[in-house]
Amino acid sequence: MDSLMSIWDASINVLAHGLLDLAWWQVVLVTLLMTHVTISAVTIFLHRAQAHRALDLHAIPSHFFRLWLWLTTGMVTKEFVAVHRKHHAKCETVEDPHSPQTRGIKTLLLTGVELYRAESKIKETIAKYGLGTPDDWIERNLYTRFS
């Protein structure tokens, strides 16, 4: 019975304090660091390197960013790139996946993720605008499959 209570106590402790039992300021610091890495991954990897091909990254940072974005946001490289390229190709028209001019700023700010997801499900968008993105085993069998 004592071992059952100690398991119960340990479970409650993990739920109450997390696995690492961080102080409040440590939680804030970790949150800021994770947010910074995520924003950097979107800006450097997805936007500059993949969508615009303005930057060539070595395989190590490229894969780190792919893994990080998949783990923390569920983003798939090809989907982001396709939606972003279509945005530039059809900028401020009714075909623009996320135009504040045609959809309204309120809609864009409040439902931007849903707009992105809806456009990323359109096979023609992915096929036409998602060219040149990673298409290796891990992308097909892990990242895209389990996004």
N, C-alpha and C. Protein backbone atom coordinates (compact mmCIF):
# COMPACT_ATOMS: atom_id res chain seq x y z
N MET A 1 0.82 -1.19 0.00
CA MET A 1 0.00 0.00 0.00
C MET A 1 0.87 1.26 0.00
N ASP A 2 2.01 1.20 0.73
CA ASP A 2 2.91 2.35 0.76
C ASP A 2 3.48 2.65 -0.62
N SER A 3 3.82 1.60 -1.37
CA SER A 3 4.37 1.83 -2.71
C SER A 3 3.33 2.45 -3.64
N LEU A 4 2.07 2.06 -3.48
CA LEU A 4 1.00 2.64 -4.27
C LEU A 4 0.83 4.13 -3.94
N MET A 5 0.92 4.47 -2.66
CA MET A 5 0.81 5.87 -2.25
C MET A 5 1.99 6.69 -2.75
N SER A 6 3.19 6.11 -2.75
CA SER A 6 4.35 6.86 -3.22
C SER A 6 4.26 7.09 -4.73
N ILE A 7 3.72 6.12 -5.48
CA ILE A 7 3.50 6.32 -6.92
C ILE A 7 2.47 7.43 -7.12
N TRP A 8 1.40 7.39 -6.32
CA TRP A 8 0.36 8.42 -6.39
C TRP A 8 0.94 9.79 -6.08
N ASP A 9 1.74 9.88 -5.01
CA ASP A 9 2.36 11.15 -4.62
C ASP A 9 3.29 11.67 -5.72
N ALA A 10 4.07 10.77 -6.30
CA ALA A 10 4.98 11.16 -7.38
C ALA A 10 4.19 11.67 -8.59
N SER A 11 3.10 11.01 -8.91
CA SER A 11 2.27 11.43 -10.04
C SER A 11 1.68 12.81 -9.80
N ILE A 12 1.18 13.04 -8.61
CA ILE A 12 0.61 14.35 -8.26
C ILE A 12 1.70 15.42 -8.32
N ASN A 13 2.89 15.11 -7.84
CA ASN A 13 4.00 16.05 -7.86
C ASN A 13 4.37 16.44 -9.29
N VAL A 14 4.42 15.46 -10.20
CA VAL A 14 4.74 15.75 -11.60
C VAL A 14 3.65 16.62 -12.22
N LEU A 15 2.40 16.31 -11.93
CA LEU A 15 1.30 17.12 -12.46
C LEU A 15 1.33 18.54 -11.91
N ALA A 16 1.68 18.69 -10.66
CA ALA A 16 1.68 20.01 -10.03
C ALA A 16 2.90 20.84 -10.40
N HIS A 17 4.05 20.20 -10.57
CA HIS A 17 5.30 20.96 -10.74
C HIS A 17 6.03 20.67 -12.05
N GLY A 18 5.54 19.74 -12.85
CA GLY A 18 6.21 19.39 -14.09
C GLY A 18 7.36 18.43 -13.85
N LEU A 19 7.92 17.93 -14.94
CA LEU A 19 9.01 16.96 -14.82
C LEU A 19 10.28 17.58 -14.25
N LEU A 20 10.53 18.84 -14.56
CA LEU A 20 11.78 19.48 -14.14
C LEU A 20 11.66 20.29 -12.86
N ASP A 21 10.45 20.50 -12.38
CA ASP A 21 10.22 21.26 -11.15
C ASP A 21 10.90 22.63 -11.20
N LEU A 22 10.59 23.39 -12.25
CA LEU A 22 11.21 24.70 -12.46
C LEU A 22 10.52 25.78 -11.64
N ALA A 23 11.32 26.76 -11.24
CA ALA A 23 10.77 27.95 -10.59
C ALA A 23 10.05 28.79 -11.66
N TRP A 24 9.23 29.75 -11.23
CA TRP A 24 8.45 30.54 -12.18
C TRP A 24 9.34 31.27 -13.18
N TRP A 25 10.46 31.81 -12.72
CA TRP A 25 11.34 32.56 -13.61
C TRP A 25 12.02 31.64 -14.61
N GLN A 26 12.24 30.38 -14.21
CA GLN A 26 12.82 29.42 -15.14
C GLN A 26 11.81 29.03 -16.22
N VAL A 27 10.55 28.93 -15.84
CA VAL A 27 9.50 28.65 -16.82
C VAL A 27 9.42 29.79 -17.83
N VAL A 28 9.49 31.03 -17.35
CA VAL A 28 9.46 32.19 -18.23
C VAL A 28 10.67 32.17 -19.17
N LEU A 29 11.85 31.88 -18.64
CA LEU A 29 13.06 31.83 -19.44
C LEU A 29 12.98 30.75 -20.52
N VAL A 30 12.55 29.56 -20.14
CA VAL A 30 12.41 28.46 -21.11
C VAL A 30 11.38 28.82 -22.18
N THR A 31 10.29 29.44 -21.78
CA THR A 31 9.26 29.86 -22.73
C THR A 31 9.81 30.87 -23.72
N LEU A 32 10.56 31.86 -23.22
CA LEU A 32 11.16 32.86 -24.10
C LEU A 32 12.17 32.24 -25.05
N LEU A 33 13.00 31.33 -24.55
CA LEU A 33 13.99 30.66 -25.40
C LEU A 33 13.32 29.81 -26.49
N MET A 34 12.30 29.06 -26.11
CA MET A 34 11.60 28.23 -27.09
C MET A 34 10.89 29.09 -28.14
N THR A 35 10.32 30.19 -27.70
CA THR A 35 9.67 31.11 -28.64
C THR A 35 10.68 31.71 -29.60
N HIS A 36 11.84 32.08 -29.08
CA HIS A 36 12.90 32.65 -29.92
C HIS A 36 13.37 31.64 -30.97
N VAL A 37 13.59 30.41 -30.56
CA VAL A 37 14.04 29.37 -31.51
C VAL A 37 12.96 29.14 -32.57
N THR A 38 11.70 29.12 -32.17
CA THR A 38 10.61 28.90 -33.12
C THR A 38 10.52 30.04 -34.13
N ILE A 39 10.58 31.28 -33.65
CA ILE A 39 10.53 32.43 -34.56
C ILE A 39 11.73 32.43 -35.49
N SER A 40 12.90 32.09 -34.96
CA SER A 40 14.10 32.01 -35.80
C SER A 40 13.96 30.92 -36.85
N ALA A 41 13.40 29.78 -36.47
CA ALA A 41 13.21 28.67 -37.42
C ALA A 41 12.27 29.07 -38.54
N VAL A 42 11.18 29.75 -38.20
CA VAL A 42 10.24 30.19 -39.24
C VAL A 42 10.91 31.22 -40.15
N THR A 43 11.57 32.20 -39.55
CA THR A 43 12.19 33.27 -40.34
C THR A 43 13.35 32.78 -41.19
N ILE A 44 14.28 32.09 -40.56
CA ILE A 44 15.50 31.67 -41.27
C ILE A 44 15.24 30.48 -42.19
N PHE A 45 14.66 29.42 -41.64
CA PHE A 45 14.50 28.20 -42.42
C PHE A 45 13.30 28.25 -43.37
N LEU A 46 12.10 28.41 -42.83
CA LEU A 46 10.92 28.34 -43.69
C LEU A 46 10.84 29.50 -44.66
N HIS A 47 10.99 30.72 -44.15
CA HIS A 47 10.77 31.89 -44.99
C HIS A 47 11.95 32.17 -45.91
N ARG A 48 13.13 32.38 -45.33
CA ARG A 48 14.30 32.77 -46.15
C ARG A 48 14.86 31.61 -46.97
N ALA A 49 15.13 30.48 -46.31
CA ALA A 49 15.82 29.38 -47.00
C ALA A 49 14.89 28.57 -47.90
N GLN A 50 13.68 28.27 -47.45
CA GLN A 50 12.80 27.40 -48.23
C GLN A 50 11.87 28.17 -49.16
N ALA A 51 11.10 29.11 -48.64
CA ALA A 51 10.11 29.79 -49.47
C ALA A 51 10.74 30.68 -50.53
N HIS A 52 11.77 31.44 -50.15
CA HIS A 52 12.37 32.40 -51.09
C HIS A 52 13.70 31.94 -51.66
N ARG A 53 14.27 30.88 -51.13
CA ARG A 53 15.58 30.38 -51.59
C ARG A 53 16.64 31.49 -51.56
N ALA A 54 16.55 32.36 -50.57
CA ALA A 54 17.49 33.46 -50.43
C ALA A 54 18.69 33.07 -49.58
N LEU A 55 18.66 31.87 -49.03
CA LEU A 55 19.69 31.43 -48.10
C LEU A 55 19.86 29.93 -48.24
N ASP A 56 21.12 29.48 -48.32
CA ASP A 56 21.40 28.04 -48.33
C ASP A 56 21.93 27.64 -46.97
N LEU A 57 21.22 26.75 -46.30
CA LEU A 57 21.63 26.27 -44.99
C LEU A 57 22.27 24.90 -45.11
N HIS A 58 23.24 24.64 -44.26
CA HIS A 58 23.85 23.32 -44.15
C HIS A 58 22.77 22.33 -43.70
N ALA A 59 22.99 21.06 -43.95
CA ALA A 59 22.00 20.03 -43.61
C ALA A 59 21.70 19.97 -42.12
N ILE A 60 22.69 20.23 -41.28
CA ILE A 60 22.47 20.12 -39.82
C ILE A 60 21.48 21.17 -39.31
N PRO A 61 21.69 22.48 -39.56
CA PRO A 61 20.68 23.43 -39.09
C PRO A 61 19.34 23.26 -39.80
N SER A 62 19.37 22.87 -41.07
CA SER A 62 18.11 22.64 -41.79
C SER A 62 17.29 21.56 -41.12
N HIS A 63 17.93 20.45 -40.81
CA HIS A 63 17.17 19.38 -40.18
C HIS A 63 16.76 19.74 -38.75
N PHE A 64 17.63 20.43 -38.03
CA PHE A 64 17.24 20.87 -36.69
C PHE A 64 15.97 21.71 -36.75
N PHE A 65 15.94 22.68 -37.67
CA PHE A 65 14.77 23.54 -37.79
C PHE A 65 13.53 22.75 -38.21
N ARG A 66 13.68 21.81 -39.14
CA ARG A 66 12.54 20.98 -39.54
C ARG A 66 12.00 20.20 -38.35
N LEU A 67 12.89 19.57 -37.61
CA LEU A 67 12.49 18.78 -36.45
C LEU A 67 11.83 19.67 -35.39
N TRP A 68 12.46 20.78 -35.10
CA TRP A 68 11.94 21.71 -34.09
C TRP A 68 10.53 22.17 -34.45
N LEU A 69 10.35 22.62 -35.69
CA LEU A 69 9.04 23.12 -36.11
C LEU A 69 7.99 22.03 -36.10
N TRP A 70 8.38 20.82 -36.49
CA TRP A 70 7.42 19.72 -36.47
C TRP A 70 7.03 19.38 -35.03
N LEU A 71 8.01 19.33 -34.13
CA LEU A 71 7.72 18.98 -32.74
C LEU A 71 6.93 20.07 -32.01
N THR A 72 7.25 21.32 -32.25
CA THR A 72 6.65 22.40 -31.46
C THR A 72 5.42 23.04 -32.09
N THR A 73 5.30 22.98 -33.42
CA THR A 73 4.16 23.64 -34.07
C THR A 73 3.35 22.71 -34.97
N GLY A 74 3.93 21.60 -35.36
CA GLY A 74 3.25 20.70 -36.30
C GLY A 74 3.35 21.16 -37.74
N MET A 75 4.15 22.20 -38.01
CA MET A 75 4.28 22.71 -39.37
C MET A 75 5.03 21.72 -40.25
N VAL A 76 4.55 21.58 -41.48
CA VAL A 76 5.22 20.78 -42.50
C VAL A 76 5.82 21.76 -43.50
N THR A 77 7.10 21.60 -43.79
CA THR A 77 7.83 22.54 -44.64
C THR A 77 7.13 22.81 -45.96
N LYS A 78 6.77 21.76 -46.68
CA LYS A 78 6.16 21.91 -48.00
C LYS A 78 4.85 22.71 -47.93
N GLU A 79 4.07 22.48 -46.90
CA GLU A 79 2.80 23.19 -46.76
C GLU A 79 3.02 24.68 -46.53
N PHE A 80 3.93 25.01 -45.59
CA PHE A 80 4.20 26.42 -45.32
C PHE A 80 4.70 27.12 -46.58
N VAL A 81 5.68 26.48 -47.24
CA VAL A 81 6.29 27.07 -48.43
C VAL A 81 5.24 27.28 -49.52
N ALA A 82 4.40 26.29 -49.76
CA ALA A 82 3.39 26.41 -50.81
C ALA A 82 2.40 27.54 -50.52
N VAL A 83 1.92 27.60 -49.30
CA VAL A 83 0.96 28.66 -48.94
C VAL A 83 1.63 30.03 -49.04
N HIS A 84 2.87 30.14 -48.59
CA HIS A 84 3.56 31.43 -48.64
C HIS A 84 3.85 31.85 -50.09
N ARG A 85 4.30 30.92 -50.91
CA ARG A 85 4.56 31.25 -52.32
C ARG A 85 3.27 31.64 -53.04
N LYS A 86 2.18 30.95 -52.74
CA LYS A 86 0.90 31.32 -53.36
C LYS A 86 0.48 32.72 -52.91
N HIS A 87 0.75 33.03 -51.65
CA HIS A 87 0.45 34.38 -51.14
C HIS A 87 1.18 35.43 -51.98
N HIS A 88 2.45 35.20 -52.29
CA HIS A 88 3.19 36.16 -53.11
C HIS A 88 2.71 36.16 -54.56
N ALA A 89 2.36 35.00 -55.08
CA ALA A 89 1.91 34.92 -56.47
C ALA A 89 0.55 35.56 -56.68
N LYS A 90 -0.30 35.49 -55.69
CA LYS A 90 -1.68 36.00 -55.79
C LYS A 90 -1.94 37.12 -54.80
N CYS A 91 -0.92 37.90 -54.50
CA CYS A 91 -0.97 38.90 -53.43
C CYS A 91 -2.14 39.88 -53.59
N GLU A 92 -2.89 40.02 -52.50
CA GLU A 92 -4.02 40.94 -52.38
C GLU A 92 -5.13 40.70 -53.40
N THR A 93 -5.26 39.45 -53.86
CA THR A 93 -6.39 39.07 -54.70
C THR A 93 -7.25 38.09 -53.91
N VAL A 94 -8.39 37.71 -54.47
CA VAL A 94 -9.25 36.76 -53.77
C VAL A 94 -8.61 35.38 -53.66
N GLU A 95 -7.60 35.10 -54.48
CA GLU A 95 -6.90 33.81 -54.42
C GLU A 95 -5.76 33.82 -53.39
N ASP A 96 -5.44 34.97 -52.83
CA ASP A 96 -4.40 35.06 -51.80
C ASP A 96 -4.90 34.32 -50.55
N PRO A 97 -4.13 33.32 -50.09
CA PRO A 97 -4.59 32.52 -48.94
C PRO A 97 -4.79 33.30 -47.65
N HIS A 98 -4.07 34.40 -47.50
CA HIS A 98 -4.21 35.17 -46.26
C HIS A 98 -4.00 36.66 -46.49
N SER A 99 -4.89 37.23 -47.30
CA SER A 99 -4.82 38.66 -47.58
C SER A 99 -5.72 39.45 -46.63
N PRO A 100 -5.15 40.41 -45.91
CA PRO A 100 -6.00 41.24 -45.05
C PRO A 100 -6.93 42.15 -45.87
N GLN A 101 -6.56 42.42 -47.11
CA GLN A 101 -7.41 43.28 -47.95
C GLN A 101 -8.68 42.57 -48.40
N THR A 102 -8.57 41.29 -48.73
CA THR A 102 -9.75 40.58 -49.22
C THR A 102 -10.51 39.85 -48.12
N ARG A 103 -9.85 39.51 -47.05
CA ARG A 103 -10.50 38.76 -45.97
C ARG A 103 -10.76 39.59 -44.72
N GLY A 104 -10.09 40.74 -44.63
CA GLY A 104 -10.24 41.59 -43.47
C GLY A 104 -9.18 41.29 -42.42
N ILE A 105 -8.69 42.33 -41.78
CA ILE A 105 -7.62 42.18 -40.80
C ILE A 105 -8.09 41.37 -39.59
N LYS A 106 -9.33 41.57 -39.17
CA LYS A 106 -9.85 40.85 -38.02
C LYS A 106 -9.86 39.34 -38.29
N THR A 107 -10.34 38.95 -39.46
CA THR A 107 -10.36 37.53 -39.84
C THR A 107 -8.95 36.97 -39.86
N LEU A 108 -8.04 37.73 -40.45
CA LEU A 108 -6.66 37.26 -40.55
C LEU A 108 -6.03 37.08 -39.17
N LEU A 109 -6.23 38.03 -38.28
CA LEU A 109 -5.63 37.95 -36.95
C LEU A 109 -6.27 36.88 -36.08
N LEU A 110 -7.58 36.70 -36.20
CA LEU A 110 -8.28 35.77 -35.32
C LEU A 110 -8.34 34.34 -35.86
N THR A 111 -8.27 34.19 -37.18
CA THR A 111 -8.39 32.84 -37.76
C THR A 111 -7.28 32.54 -38.76
N GLY A 112 -6.14 33.19 -38.61
CA GLY A 112 -5.03 32.99 -39.54
C GLY A 112 -4.57 31.55 -39.63
N VAL A 113 -4.54 30.86 -38.51
CA VAL A 113 -4.11 29.45 -38.51
C VAL A 113 -5.10 28.61 -39.31
N GLU A 114 -6.38 28.86 -39.14
CA GLU A 114 -7.39 28.11 -39.88
C GLU A 114 -7.29 28.39 -41.38
N LEU A 115 -7.01 29.64 -41.76
CA LEU A 115 -6.82 29.97 -43.17
C LEU A 115 -5.64 29.20 -43.74
N TYR A 116 -4.54 29.17 -43.00
CA TYR A 116 -3.34 28.43 -43.41
C TYR A 116 -3.66 26.94 -43.57
N ARG A 117 -4.31 26.37 -42.58
CA ARG A 117 -4.63 24.93 -42.63
C ARG A 117 -5.56 24.60 -43.79
N ALA A 118 -6.55 25.44 -44.01
CA ALA A 118 -7.47 25.19 -45.12
C ALA A 118 -6.73 25.20 -46.45
N GLU A 119 -5.87 26.18 -46.65
CA GLU A 119 -5.12 26.26 -47.91
C GLU A 119 -4.12 25.12 -48.03
N SER A 120 -3.54 24.69 -46.93
CA SER A 120 -2.55 23.61 -46.98
C SER A 120 -3.17 22.26 -47.33
N LYS A 121 -4.49 22.15 -47.25
CA LYS A 121 -5.18 20.91 -47.61
C LYS A 121 -5.53 20.85 -49.10
N ILE A 122 -5.34 21.94 -49.81
CA ILE A 122 -5.64 21.97 -51.25
C ILE A 122 -4.45 21.39 -52.01
N LYS A 123 -4.65 20.23 -52.59
CA LYS A 123 -3.56 19.49 -53.26
C LYS A 123 -2.92 20.30 -54.39
N GLU A 124 -3.72 21.07 -55.13
CA GLU A 124 -3.18 21.84 -56.24
C GLU A 124 -2.20 22.91 -55.75
N THR A 125 -2.49 23.52 -54.62
CA THR A 125 -1.59 24.52 -54.05
C THR A 125 -0.26 23.89 -53.69
N ILE A 126 -0.30 22.74 -53.03
CA ILE A 126 0.92 22.06 -52.61
C ILE A 126 1.72 21.62 -53.84
N ALA A 127 1.05 21.05 -54.83
CA ALA A 127 1.74 20.56 -56.03
C ALA A 127 2.38 21.70 -56.83
N LYS A 128 1.67 22.81 -56.96
CA LYS A 128 2.17 23.91 -57.79
C LYS A 128 3.22 24.76 -57.09
N TYR A 129 3.01 25.05 -55.82
CA TYR A 129 3.88 26.01 -55.12
C TYR A 129 4.85 25.37 -54.13
N GLY A 130 4.75 24.09 -53.89
CA GLY A 130 5.60 23.44 -52.90
C GLY A 130 6.84 22.77 -53.45
N LEU A 131 7.19 23.08 -54.68
CA LEU A 131 8.35 22.44 -55.32
C LEU A 131 9.66 22.88 -54.67
N GLY A 132 10.63 21.97 -54.66
CA GLY A 132 11.96 22.29 -54.16
C GLY A 132 12.12 22.21 -52.66
N THR A 133 11.13 21.68 -51.98
CA THR A 133 11.22 21.52 -50.53
C THR A 133 11.71 20.11 -50.22
N PRO A 134 12.15 19.86 -49.00
CA PRO A 134 12.65 18.52 -48.66
C PRO A 134 11.61 17.43 -48.96
N ASP A 135 12.08 16.38 -49.61
CA ASP A 135 11.20 15.26 -49.94
C ASP A 135 11.93 13.95 -49.65
N ASP A 136 12.53 13.88 -48.48
CA ASP A 136 13.28 12.69 -48.10
C ASP A 136 12.41 11.74 -47.29
N TRP A 137 13.00 10.64 -46.87
CA TRP A 137 12.26 9.61 -46.14
C TRP A 137 11.59 10.17 -44.89
N ILE A 138 12.33 10.93 -44.11
CA ILE A 138 11.79 11.42 -42.84
C ILE A 138 10.66 12.43 -43.07
N GLU A 139 10.74 13.20 -44.13
CA GLU A 139 9.66 14.14 -44.45
C GLU A 139 8.38 13.39 -44.82
N ARG A 140 8.52 12.38 -45.67
CA ARG A 140 7.34 11.62 -46.13
C ARG A 140 6.77 10.71 -45.05
N ASN A 141 7.63 10.05 -44.29
CA ASN A 141 7.17 9.00 -43.38
C ASN A 141 6.98 9.44 -41.93
N LEU A 142 7.46 10.61 -41.58
CA LEU A 142 7.29 11.08 -40.21
C LEU A 142 6.62 12.45 -40.17
N TYR A 143 7.31 13.46 -40.70
CA TYR A 143 6.82 14.83 -40.56
C TYR A 143 5.45 15.05 -41.22
N THR A 144 5.33 14.68 -42.49
CA THR A 144 4.06 14.89 -43.19
C THR A 144 2.99 13.91 -42.68
N ARG A 145 3.38 12.69 -42.48
CA ARG A 145 2.42 11.67 -42.06
C ARG A 145 1.81 11.96 -40.69
N PHE A 146 2.61 12.49 -39.77
CA PHE A 146 2.14 12.71 -38.40
C PHE A 146 2.05 14.19 -38.04
N SER A 147 1.64 15.01 -38.97
CA SER A 147 1.52 16.44 -38.66
C SER A 147 0.12 16.76 -38.19
